[in-house]
Amino acid sequence: MRKIYRQLIFTSLIVIFSAIPSIQAQAIRAVNYPYEVKYLDLQIENKPARMAYMNALPAKPNGKIIVLFHGKNFNGYYWKDIAARLTAEGFRVIIPDQIG
């Protein structure tokens, strides 16, 4: 009986983890980002991953770049107001979305 439970749990985990890339892609599309979203294809622990990021360009560049990182409980959209202020002051703002 324990063997059956272990197999059931193992199979369930495989199904859940195989769906994660699809869930991440849906989460990326679900947000209306204020700037153009670009993607960076990566290898993480020998597995393909895709990271979304915004590259906010100012109308009058001052030659400086700021990178805004977010925590685990939110995404790059969080920085939309800060990015607007910084680009208005001439900064190029890069906002990566953490994978996961």
PDB file of N, CA and C in Angstrom:
ATOM      1  N   MET A   1       0.815  -1.194   0.000  1.00  0.00           N
ATOM      2  CA  MET A   1       0.000   0.000   0.000  1.00  0.00           C
ATOM      3  C   MET A   1       0.862   1.264   0.000  1.00  0.00           C
ATOM      4  N   ARG A   2       1.948   1.260   0.787  1.00  0.00           N
ATOM      5  CA  ARG A   2       2.843   2.417   0.814  1.00  0.00           C
ATOM      6  C   ARG A   2       3.482   2.663  -0.541  1.00  0.00           C
ATOM      7  N   LYS A   3       3.806   1.584  -1.238  1.00  0.00           N
ATOM      8  CA  LYS A   3       4.417   1.710  -2.550  1.00  0.00           C
ATOM      9  C   LYS A   3       3.466   2.407  -3.518  1.00  0.00           C
ATOM     10  N   ILE A   4       2.201   2.079  -3.444  1.00  0.00           N
ATOM     11  CA  ILE A   4       1.194   2.710  -4.298  1.00  0.00           C
ATOM     12  C   ILE A   4       1.089   4.198  -3.980  1.00  0.00           C
ATOM     13  N   TYR A   5       1.083   4.560  -2.682  1.00  0.00           N
ATOM     14  CA  TYR A   5       1.023   5.970  -2.291  1.00  0.00           C
ATOM     15  C   TYR A   5       2.252   6.726  -2.784  1.00  0.00           C
ATOM     16  N   ARG A   6       3.424   6.118  -2.654  1.00  0.00           N
ATOM     17  CA  ARG A   6       4.660   6.759  -3.120  1.00  0.00           C
ATOM     18  C   ARG A   6       4.612   6.977  -4.624  1.00  0.00           C
ATOM     19  N   GLN A   7       4.144   5.972  -5.354  1.00  0.00           N
ATOM     20  CA  GLN A   7       4.046   6.119  -6.806  1.00  0.00           C
ATOM     21  C   GLN A   7       3.039   7.205  -7.179  1.00  0.00           C
ATOM     22  N   LEU A   8       1.933   7.255  -6.477  1.00  0.00           N
ATOM     23  CA  LEU A   8       0.914   8.269  -6.728  1.00  0.00           C
ATOM     24  C   LEU A   8       1.469   9.670  -6.468  1.00  0.00           C
ATOM     25  N   ILE A   9       2.165   9.839  -5.370  1.00  0.00           N
ATOM     26  CA  ILE A   9       2.760  11.134  -5.033  1.00  0.00           C
ATOM     27  C   ILE A   9       3.805  11.510  -6.073  1.00  0.00           C
ATOM     28  N   PHE A  10       4.671  10.574  -6.427  1.00  0.00           N
ATOM     29  CA  PHE A  10       5.716  10.835  -7.412  1.00  0.00           C
ATOM     30  C   PHE A  10       5.106  11.236  -8.755  1.00  0.00           C
ATOM     31  N   THR A  11       4.097  10.512  -9.201  1.00  0.00           N
ATOM     32  CA  THR A  11       3.433  10.825 -10.467  1.00  0.00           C
ATOM     33  C   THR A  11       2.772  12.197 -10.410  1.00  0.00           C
ATOM     34  N   SER A  12       2.143  12.512  -9.295  1.00  0.00           N
ATOM     35  CA  SER A  12       1.510  13.823  -9.125  1.00  0.00           C
ATOM     36  C   SER A  12       2.537  14.943  -9.212  1.00  0.00           C
ATOM     37  N   LEU A  13       3.687  14.754  -8.581  1.00  0.00           N
ATOM     38  CA  LEU A  13       4.737  15.772  -8.630  1.00  0.00           C
ATOM     39  C   LEU A  13       5.257  15.973 -10.048  1.00  0.00           C
ATOM     40  N   ILE A  14       5.401  14.899 -10.793  1.00  0.00           N
ATOM     41  CA  ILE A  14       5.847  15.018 -12.181  1.00  0.00           C
ATOM     42  C   ILE A  14       4.846  15.837 -12.992  1.00  0.00           C
ATOM     43  N   VAL A  15       3.573  15.565 -12.820  1.00  0.00           N
ATOM     44  CA  VAL A  15       2.534  16.301 -13.541  1.00  0.00           C
ATOM     45  C   VAL A  15       2.564  17.777 -13.154  1.00  0.00           C
ATOM     46  N   ILE A  16       2.674  18.068 -11.870  1.00  0.00           N
ATOM     47  CA  ILE A  16       2.688  19.458 -11.395  1.00  0.00           C
ATOM     48  C   ILE A  16       3.896  20.193 -11.948  1.00  0.00           C
ATOM     49  N   PHE A  17       5.090  19.610 -11.817  1.00  0.00           N
ATOM     50  CA  PHE A  17       6.298  20.300 -12.255  1.00  0.00           C
ATOM     51  C   PHE A  17       6.378  20.427 -13.771  1.00  0.00           C
ATOM     52  N   SER A  18       5.782  19.533 -14.506  1.00  0.00           N
ATOM     53  CA  SER A  18       5.799  19.662 -15.964  1.00  0.00           C
ATOM     54  C   SER A  18       4.881  20.794 -16.421  1.00  0.00           C
ATOM     55  N   ALA A  19       3.921  21.178 -15.595  1.00  0.00           N
ATOM     56  CA  ALA A  19       2.997  22.258 -15.950  1.00  0.00           C
ATOM     57  C   ALA A  19       3.536  23.634 -15.594  1.00  0.00           C
ATOM     58  N   ILE A  20       4.593  23.717 -14.801  1.00  0.00           N
ATOM     59  CA  ILE A  20       5.106  25.011 -14.337  1.00  0.00           C
ATOM     60  C   ILE A  20       5.468  25.953 -15.484  1.00  0.00           C
ATOM     61  N   PRO A  21       6.219  25.534 -16.527  1.00  0.00           N
ATOM     62  CA  PRO A  21       6.526  26.476 -17.608  1.00  0.00           C
ATOM     63  C   PRO A  21       5.277  27.068 -18.256  1.00  0.00           C
ATOM     64  N   SER A  22       4.235  26.256 -18.424  1.00  0.00           N
ATOM     65  CA  SER A  22       2.996  26.745 -19.003  1.00  0.00           C
ATOM     66  C   SER A  22       2.329  27.761 -18.075  1.00  0.00           C
ATOM     67  N   ILE A  23       2.347  27.484 -16.785  1.00  0.00           N
ATOM     68  CA  ILE A  23       1.760  28.404 -15.804  1.00  0.00           C
ATOM     69  C   ILE A  23       2.533  29.714 -15.804  1.00  0.00           C
ATOM     70  N   GLN A  24       3.874  29.656 -15.865  1.00  0.00           N
ATOM     71  CA  GLN A  24       4.688  30.869 -15.892  1.00  0.00           C
ATOM     72  C   GLN A  24       4.372  31.690 -17.134  1.00  0.00           C
ATOM     73  N   ALA A  25       4.266  31.054 -18.276  1.00  0.00           N
ATOM     74  CA  ALA A  25       3.972  31.779 -19.514  1.00  0.00           C
ATOM     75  C   ALA A  25       2.610  32.457 -19.426  1.00  0.00           C
ATOM     76  N   GLN A  26       1.624  31.794 -18.849  1.00  0.00           N
ATOM     77  CA  GLN A  26       0.304  32.395 -18.689  1.00  0.00           C
ATOM     78  C   GLN A  26       0.362  33.577 -17.736  1.00  0.00           C
ATOM     79  N   ALA A  27       1.150  33.471 -16.661  1.00  0.00           N
ATOM     80  CA  ALA A  27       1.270  34.569 -15.697  1.00  0.00           C
ATOM     81  C   ALA A  27       1.909  35.784 -16.344  1.00  0.00           C
ATOM     82  N   ILE A  28       2.894  35.565 -17.215  1.00  0.00           N
ATOM     83  CA  ILE A  28       3.544  36.674 -17.903  1.00  0.00           C
ATOM     84  C   ILE A  28       2.546  37.398 -18.793  1.00  0.00           C
ATOM     85  N   ARG A  29       1.710  36.656 -19.502  1.00  0.00           N
ATOM     86  CA  ARG A  29       0.737  37.272 -20.402  1.00  0.00           C
ATOM     87  C   ARG A  29      -0.428  37.915 -19.652  1.00  0.00           C
ATOM     88  N   ALA A  30      -0.670  37.533 -18.427  1.00  0.00           N
ATOM     89  CA  ALA A  30      -1.831  38.022 -17.690  1.00  0.00           C
ATOM     90  C   ALA A  30      -1.667  39.465 -17.219  1.00  0.00           C
ATOM     91  N   VAL A  31      -0.454  40.000 -17.232  1.00  0.00           N
ATOM     92  CA  VAL A  31      -0.194  41.353 -16.746  1.00  0.00           C
ATOM     93  C   VAL A  31      -0.038  42.289 -17.935  1.00  0.00           C
ATOM     94  N   ASN A  32      -0.665  43.448 -17.866  1.00  0.00           N
ATOM     95  CA  ASN A  32      -0.486  44.462 -18.896  1.00  0.00           C
ATOM     96  C   ASN A  32       0.701  45.341 -18.508  1.00  0.00           C
ATOM     97  N   TYR A  33       1.860  44.980 -19.005  1.00  0.00           N
ATOM     98  CA  TYR A  33       3.073  45.711 -18.667  1.00  0.00           C
ATOM     99  C   TYR A  33       3.064  47.097 -19.306  1.00  0.00           C
ATOM    100  N   PRO A  34       3.581  48.113 -18.610  1.00  0.00           N
ATOM    101  CA  PRO A  34       3.566  49.473 -19.144  1.00  0.00           C
ATOM    102  C   PRO A  34       4.637  49.723 -20.213  1.00  0.00           C
ATOM    103  N   TYR A  35       5.605  48.821 -20.345  1.00  0.00           N
ATOM    104  CA  TYR A  35       6.672  48.954 -21.336  1.00  0.00           C
ATOM    105  C   TYR A  35       6.757  47.662 -22.141  1.00  0.00           C
ATOM    106  N   GLU A  36       7.414  47.748 -23.278  1.00  0.00           N
ATOM    107  CA  GLU A  36       7.567  46.566 -24.116  1.00  0.00           C
ATOM    108  C   GLU A  36       8.268  45.454 -23.332  1.00  0.00           C
ATOM    109  N   VAL A  37       7.727  44.251 -23.435  1.00  0.00           N
ATOM    110  CA  VAL A  37       8.313  43.100 -22.756  1.00  0.00           C
ATOM    111  C   VAL A  37       9.183  42.345 -23.744  1.00  0.00           C
ATOM    112  N   LYS A  38      10.406  42.072 -23.325  1.00  0.00           N
ATOM    113  CA  LYS A  38      11.323  41.269 -24.120  1.00  0.00           C
ATOM    114  C   LYS A  38      11.647  40.018 -23.320  1.00  0.00           C
ATOM    115  N   TYR A  39      12.279  39.056 -23.965  1.00  0.00           N
ATOM    116  CA  TYR A  39      12.560  37.786 -23.308  1.00  0.00           C
ATOM    117  C   TYR A  39      14.023  37.407 -23.466  1.00  0.00           C
ATOM    118  N   LEU A  40      14.540  36.775 -22.456  1.00  0.00           N
ATOM    119  CA  LEU A  40      15.907  36.277 -22.456  1.00  0.00           C
ATOM    120  C   LEU A  40      15.839  34.774 -22.217  1.00  0.00           C
ATOM    121  N   ASP A  41      16.314  34.010 -23.192  1.00  0.00           N
ATOM    122  CA  ASP A  41      16.334  32.550 -23.043  1.00  0.00           C
ATOM    123  C   ASP A  41      17.581  32.151 -22.265  1.00  0.00           C
ATOM    124  N   LEU A  42      17.396  31.344 -21.221  1.00  0.00           N
ATOM    125  CA  LEU A  42      18.467  30.955 -20.314  1.00  0.00           C
ATOM    126  C   LEU A  42      18.518  29.447 -20.139  1.00  0.00           C
ATOM    127  N   GLN A  43      19.588  28.985 -19.543  1.00  0.00           N
ATOM    128  CA  GLN A  43      19.706  27.605 -19.090  1.00  0.00           C
ATOM    129  C   GLN A  43      19.906  27.667 -17.573  1.00  0.00           C
ATOM    130  N   ILE A  44      19.000  27.088 -16.825  1.00  0.00           N
ATOM    131  CA  ILE A  44      19.112  27.047 -15.367  1.00  0.00           C
ATOM    132  C   ILE A  44      19.143  25.589 -14.957  1.00  0.00           C
ATOM    133  N   GLU A  45      20.250  25.188 -14.375  1.00  0.00           N
ATOM    134  CA  GLU A  45      20.469  23.794 -14.003  1.00  0.00           C
ATOM    135  C   GLU A  45      20.218  22.872 -15.196  1.00  0.00           C
ATOM    136  N   ASN A  46      20.768  23.265 -16.330  1.00  0.00           N
ATOM    137  CA  ASN A  46      20.672  22.518 -17.589  1.00  0.00           C
ATOM    138  C   ASN A  46      19.242  22.367 -18.110  1.00  0.00           C
ATOM    139  N   LYS A  47      18.366  23.268 -17.703  1.00  0.00           N
ATOM    140  CA  LYS A  47      16.988  23.248 -18.189  1.00  0.00           C
ATOM    141  C   LYS A  47      16.684  24.603 -18.826  1.00  0.00           C
ATOM    142  N   PRO A  48      15.983  24.592 -19.953  1.00  0.00           N
ATOM    143  CA  PRO A  48      15.667  25.869 -20.602  1.00  0.00           C
ATOM    144  C   PRO A  48      14.676  26.674 -19.763  1.00  0.00           C
ATOM    145  N   ALA A  49      14.907  27.970 -19.721  1.00  0.00           N
ATOM    146  CA  ALA A  49      14.006  28.881 -19.007  1.00  0.00           C
ATOM    147  C   ALA A  49      13.912  30.161 -19.822  1.00  0.00           C
ATOM    148  N   ARG A  50      12.854  30.889 -19.624  1.00  0.00           N
ATOM    149  CA  ARG A  50      12.644  32.149 -20.338  1.00  0.00           C
ATOM    150  C   ARG A  50      12.304  33.227 -19.329  1.00  0.00           C
ATOM    151  N   MET A  51      13.120  34.279 -19.314  1.00  0.00           N
ATOM    152  CA  MET A  51      12.884  35.375 -18.385  1.00  0.00           C
ATOM    153  C   MET A  51      12.360  36.587 -19.156  1.00  0.00           C
ATOM    154  N   ALA A  52      11.269  37.147 -18.681  1.00  0.00           N
ATOM    155  CA  ALA A  52      10.716  38.368 -19.262  1.00  0.00           C
ATOM    156  C   ALA A  52      11.380  39.570 -18.584  1.00  0.00           C
ATOM    157  N   TYR A  53      11.537  40.635 -19.364  1.00  0.00           N
ATOM    158  CA  TYR A  53      12.045  41.874 -18.774  1.00  0.00           C
ATOM    159  C   TYR A  53      11.521  43.059 -19.577  1.00  0.00           C
ATOM    160  N   MET A  54      11.448  44.192 -18.904  1.00  0.00           N
ATOM    161  CA  MET A  54      11.070  45.435 -19.572  1.00  0.00           C
ATOM    162  C   MET A  54      12.318  46.284 -19.740  1.00  0.00           C
ATOM    163  N   ASN A  55      12.397  46.965 -20.862  1.00  0.00           N
ATOM    164  CA  ASN A  55      13.502  47.856 -21.164  1.00  0.00           C
ATOM    165  C   ASN A  55      12.880  49.219 -21.451  1.00  0.00           C
ATOM    166  N   ALA A  56      12.756  50.046 -20.408  1.00  0.00           N
ATOM    167  CA  ALA A  56      12.096  51.345 -20.529  1.00  0.00           C
ATOM    168  C   ALA A  56      13.118  52.387 -20.978  1.00  0.00           C
ATOM    169  N   LEU A  57      12.887  52.938 -22.159  1.00  0.00           N
ATOM    170  CA  LEU A  57      13.814  53.916 -22.718  1.00  0.00           C
ATOM    171  C   LEU A  57      13.289  55.336 -22.534  1.00  0.00           C
ATOM    172  N   PRO A  58      14.153  56.259 -22.133  1.00  0.00           N
ATOM    173  CA  PRO A  58      13.731  57.646 -21.937  1.00  0.00           C
ATOM    174  C   PRO A  58      13.661  58.408 -23.255  1.00  0.00           C
ATOM    175  N   ALA A  59      12.874  59.467 -23.286  1.00  0.00           N
ATOM    176  CA  ALA A  59      12.804  60.326 -24.469  1.00  0.00           C
ATOM    177  C   ALA A  59      14.118  61.096 -24.642  1.00  0.00           C
ATOM    178  N   LYS A  60      14.691  61.554 -23.535  1.00  0.00           N
ATOM    179  CA  LYS A  60      15.965  62.281 -23.559  1.00  0.00           C
ATOM    180  C   LYS A  60      16.944  61.564 -22.638  1.00  0.00           C
ATOM    181  N   PRO A  61      17.744  60.625 -23.180  1.00  0.00           N
ATOM    182  CA  PRO A  61      18.655  59.822 -22.347  1.00  0.00           C
ATOM    183  C   PRO A  61      19.742  60.663 -21.671  1.00  0.00           C
ATOM    184  N   ASN A  62      20.027  60.309 -20.418  1.00  0.00           N
ATOM    185  CA  ASN A  62      21.135  60.954 -19.697  1.00  0.00           C
ATOM    186  C   ASN A  62      22.377  60.060 -19.667  1.00  0.00           C
ATOM    187  N   GLY A  63      22.299  58.899 -20.339  1.00  0.00           N
ATOM    188  CA  GLY A  63      23.443  57.996 -20.430  1.00  0.00           C
ATOM    189  C   GLY A  63      23.587  57.048 -19.247  1.00  0.00           C
ATOM    190  N   LYS A  64      22.624  57.050 -18.325  1.00  0.00           N
ATOM    191  CA  LYS A  64      22.706  56.191 -17.145  1.00  0.00           C
ATOM    192  C   LYS A  64      21.615  55.130 -17.183  1.00  0.00           C
ATOM    193  N   ILE A  65      21.937  53.972 -16.594  1.00  0.00           N
ATOM    194  CA  ILE A  65      21.009  52.832 -16.577  1.00  0.00           C
ATOM    195  C   ILE A  65      20.733  52.429 -15.139  1.00  0.00           C
ATOM    196  N   ILE A  66      19.481  52.142 -14.857  1.00  0.00           N
ATOM    197  CA  ILE A  66      19.077  51.639 -13.542  1.00  0.00           C
ATOM    198  C   ILE A  66      18.365  50.304 -13.742  1.00  0.00           C
ATOM    199  N   VAL A  67      18.726  49.316 -12.921  1.00  0.00           N
ATOM    200  CA  VAL A  67      18.069  48.011 -12.956  1.00  0.00           C
ATOM    201  C   VAL A  67      17.238  47.883 -11.682  1.00  0.00           C
ATOM    202  N   LEU A  68      15.949  47.613 -11.834  1.00  0.00           N
ATOM    203  CA  LEU A  68      15.041  47.476 -10.691  1.00  0.00           C
ATOM    204  C   LEU A  68      14.679  46.001 -10.510  1.00  0.00           C
ATOM    205  N   PHE A  69      15.036  45.435  -9.382  1.00  0.00           N
ATOM    206  CA  PHE A  69      14.718  44.046  -9.068  1.00  0.00           C
ATOM    207  C   PHE A  69      13.519  43.997  -8.129  1.00  0.00           C
ATOM    208  N   HIS A  70      12.718  42.975  -8.249  1.00  0.00           N
ATOM    209  CA  HIS A  70      11.573  42.810  -7.355  1.00  0.00           C
ATOM    210  C   HIS A  70      11.781  41.592  -6.470  1.00  0.00           C
ATOM    211  N   GLY A  71      10.955  41.498  -5.443  1.00  0.00           N
ATOM    212  CA  GLY A  71      11.001  40.357  -4.531  1.00  0.00           C
ATOM    213  C   GLY A  71      10.174  39.200  -5.061  1.00  0.00           C
ATOM    214  N   LYS A  72      10.005  38.192  -4.253  1.00  0.00           N
ATOM    215  CA  LYS A  72       9.302  36.971  -4.673  1.00  0.00           C
ATOM    216  C   LYS A  72       7.779  37.103  -4.718  1.00  0.00           C
ATOM    217  N   ASN A  73       7.222  38.075  -4.038  1.00  0.00           N
ATOM    218  CA  ASN A  73       5.762  38.146  -3.929  1.00  0.00           C
ATOM    219  C   ASN A  73       5.098  39.026  -4.988  1.00  0.00           C
ATOM    220  N   PHE A  74       5.869  39.547  -5.920  1.00  0.00           N
ATOM    221  CA  PHE A  74       5.285  40.379  -6.964  1.00  0.00           C
ATOM    222  C   PHE A  74       6.180  40.318  -8.192  1.00  0.00           C
ATOM    223  N   ASN A  75       5.801  41.031  -9.273  1.00  0.00           N
ATOM    224  CA  ASN A  75       6.584  40.984 -10.512  1.00  0.00           C
ATOM    225  C   ASN A  75       7.077  42.379 -10.894  1.00  0.00           C
ATOM    226  N   GLY A  76       7.690  42.483 -12.071  1.00  0.00           N
ATOM    227  CA  GLY A  76       8.263  43.747 -12.516  1.00  0.00           C
ATOM    228  C   GLY A  76       7.253  44.865 -12.678  1.00  0.00           C
ATOM    229  N   TYR A  77       5.993  44.526 -12.883  1.00  0.00           N
ATOM    230  CA  TYR A  77       4.936  45.534 -13.015  1.00  0.00           C
ATOM    231  C   TYR A  77       4.897  46.454 -11.794  1.00  0.00           C
ATOM    232  N   TYR A  78       5.310  45.938 -10.665  1.00  0.00           N
ATOM    233  CA  TYR A  78       5.332  46.705  -9.409  1.00  0.00           C
ATOM    234  C   TYR A  78       6.070  48.037  -9.571  1.00  0.00           C
ATOM    235  N   TRP A  79       7.086  48.070 -10.434  1.00  0.00           N
ATOM    236  CA  TRP A  79       7.938  49.247 -10.587  1.00  0.00           C
ATOM    237  C   TRP A  79       7.419  50.249 -11.615  1.00  0.00           C
ATOM    238  N   LYS A  80       6.208  50.086 -12.130  1.00  0.00           N
ATOM    239  CA  LYS A  80       5.735  50.934 -13.231  1.00  0.00           C
ATOM    240  C   LYS A  80       5.804  52.427 -12.914  1.00  0.00           C
ATOM    241  N   ASP A  81       5.393  52.841 -11.727  1.00  0.00           N
ATOM    242  CA  ASP A  81       5.403  54.268 -11.375  1.00  0.00           C
ATOM    243  C   ASP A  81       6.824  54.791 -11.195  1.00  0.00           C
ATOM    244  N   ILE A  82       7.673  53.991 -10.559  1.00  0.00           N
ATOM    245  CA  ILE A  82       9.070  54.378 -10.365  1.00  0.00           C
ATOM    246  C   ILE A  82       9.769  54.471 -11.720  1.00  0.00           C
ATOM    247  N   ALA A  83       9.529  53.499 -12.594  1.00  0.00           N
ATOM    248  CA  ALA A  83      10.149  53.501 -13.916  1.00  0.00           C
ATOM    249  C   ALA A  83       9.726  54.729 -14.719  1.00  0.00           C
ATOM    250  N   ALA A  84       8.461  55.113 -14.625  1.00  0.00           N
ATOM    251  CA  ALA A  84       7.973  56.303 -15.335  1.00  0.00           C
ATOM    252  C   ALA A  84       8.716  57.549 -14.855  1.00  0.00           C
ATOM    253  N   ARG A  85       8.892  57.654 -13.573  1.00  0.00           N
ATOM    254  CA  ARG A  85       9.609  58.814 -13.007  1.00  0.00           C
ATOM    255  C   ARG A  85      11.079  58.823 -13.437  1.00  0.00           C
ATOM    256  N   LEU A  86      11.707  57.661 -13.396  1.00  0.00           N
ATOM    257  CA  LEU A  86      13.124  57.574 -13.761  1.00  0.00           C
ATOM    258  C   LEU A  86      13.350  57.843 -15.255  1.00  0.00           C
ATOM    259  N   THR A  87      12.477  57.312 -16.113  1.00  0.00           N
ATOM    260  CA  THR A  87      12.639  57.571 -17.546  1.00  0.00           C
ATOM    261  C   THR A  87      12.387  59.046 -17.855  1.00  0.00           C
ATOM    262  N   ALA A  88      11.471  59.682 -17.115  1.00  0.00           N
ATOM    263  CA  ALA A  88      11.230  61.113 -17.296  1.00  0.00           C
ATOM    264  C   ALA A  88      12.484  61.921 -16.950  1.00  0.00           C
ATOM    265  N   GLU A  89      13.312  61.371 -16.059  1.00  0.00           N
ATOM    266  CA  GLU A  89      14.554  62.046 -15.672  1.00  0.00           C
ATOM    267  C   GLU A  89      15.739  61.613 -16.543  1.00  0.00           C
ATOM    268  N   GLY A  90      15.476  60.801 -17.584  1.00  0.00           N
ATOM    269  CA  GLY A  90      16.508  60.449 -18.542  1.00  0.00           C
ATOM    270  C   GLY A  90      17.182  59.115 -18.349  1.00  0.00           C
ATOM    271  N   PHE A  91      16.788  58.359 -17.338  1.00  0.00           N
ATOM    272  CA  PHE A  91      17.402  57.060 -17.085  1.00  0.00           C
ATOM    273  C   PHE A  91      16.790  55.989 -17.981  1.00  0.00           C
ATOM    274  N   ARG A  92      17.638  55.079 -18.456  1.00  0.00           N
ATOM    275  CA  ARG A  92      17.149  53.856 -19.076  1.00  0.00           C
ATOM    276  C   ARG A  92      16.886  52.899 -17.923  1.00  0.00           C
ATOM    277  N   VAL A  93      15.726  52.266 -17.880  1.00  0.00           N
ATOM    278  CA  VAL A  93      15.350  51.408 -16.763  1.00  0.00           C
ATOM    279  C   VAL A  93      15.113  49.980 -17.270  1.00  0.00           C
ATOM    280  N   ILE A  94      15.832  49.043 -16.699  1.00  0.00           N
ATOM    281  CA  ILE A  94      15.663  47.633 -17.036  1.00  0.00           C
ATOM    282  C   ILE A  94      15.021  46.944 -15.838  1.00  0.00           C
ATOM    283  N   ILE A  95      13.924  46.228 -16.102  1.00  0.00           N
ATOM    284  CA  ILE A  95      13.163  45.589 -15.026  1.00  0.00           C
ATOM    285  C   ILE A  95      12.982  44.107 -15.353  1.00  0.00           C
ATOM    286  N   PRO A  96      13.855  43.241 -14.821  1.00  0.00           N
ATOM    287  CA  PRO A  96      13.700  41.811 -15.074  1.00  0.00           C
ATOM    288  C   PRO A  96      12.626  41.204 -14.164  1.00  0.00           C
ATOM    289  N   ASP A  97      11.931  40.217 -14.691  1.00  0.00           N
ATOM    290  CA  ASP A  97      10.989  39.438 -13.885  1.00  0.00           C
ATOM    291  C   ASP A  97      11.688  38.151 -13.465  1.00  0.00           C
ATOM    292  N   GLN A  98      11.718  37.897 -12.173  1.00  0.00           N
ATOM    293  CA  GLN A  98      12.347  36.672 -11.703  1.00  0.00           C
ATOM    294  C   GLN A  98      11.583  35.458 -12.231  1.00  0.00           C
ATOM    295  N   ILE A  99      12.318  34.435 -12.529  1.00  0.00           N
ATOM    296  CA  ILE A  99      11.698  33.211 -13.007  1.00  0.00           C
ATOM    297  C   ILE A  99      11.142  32.444 -11.811  1.00  0.00           C
ATOM    298  N   GLY A 100       9.898  32.032 -11.925  1.00  0.00           N
ATOM    299  CA  GLY A 100       9.288  31.274 -10.851  1.00  0.00           C
ATOM    300  C   GLY A 100       8.370  32.097 -10.070  1.00  0.00           C
TER     301      GLY A 100
END
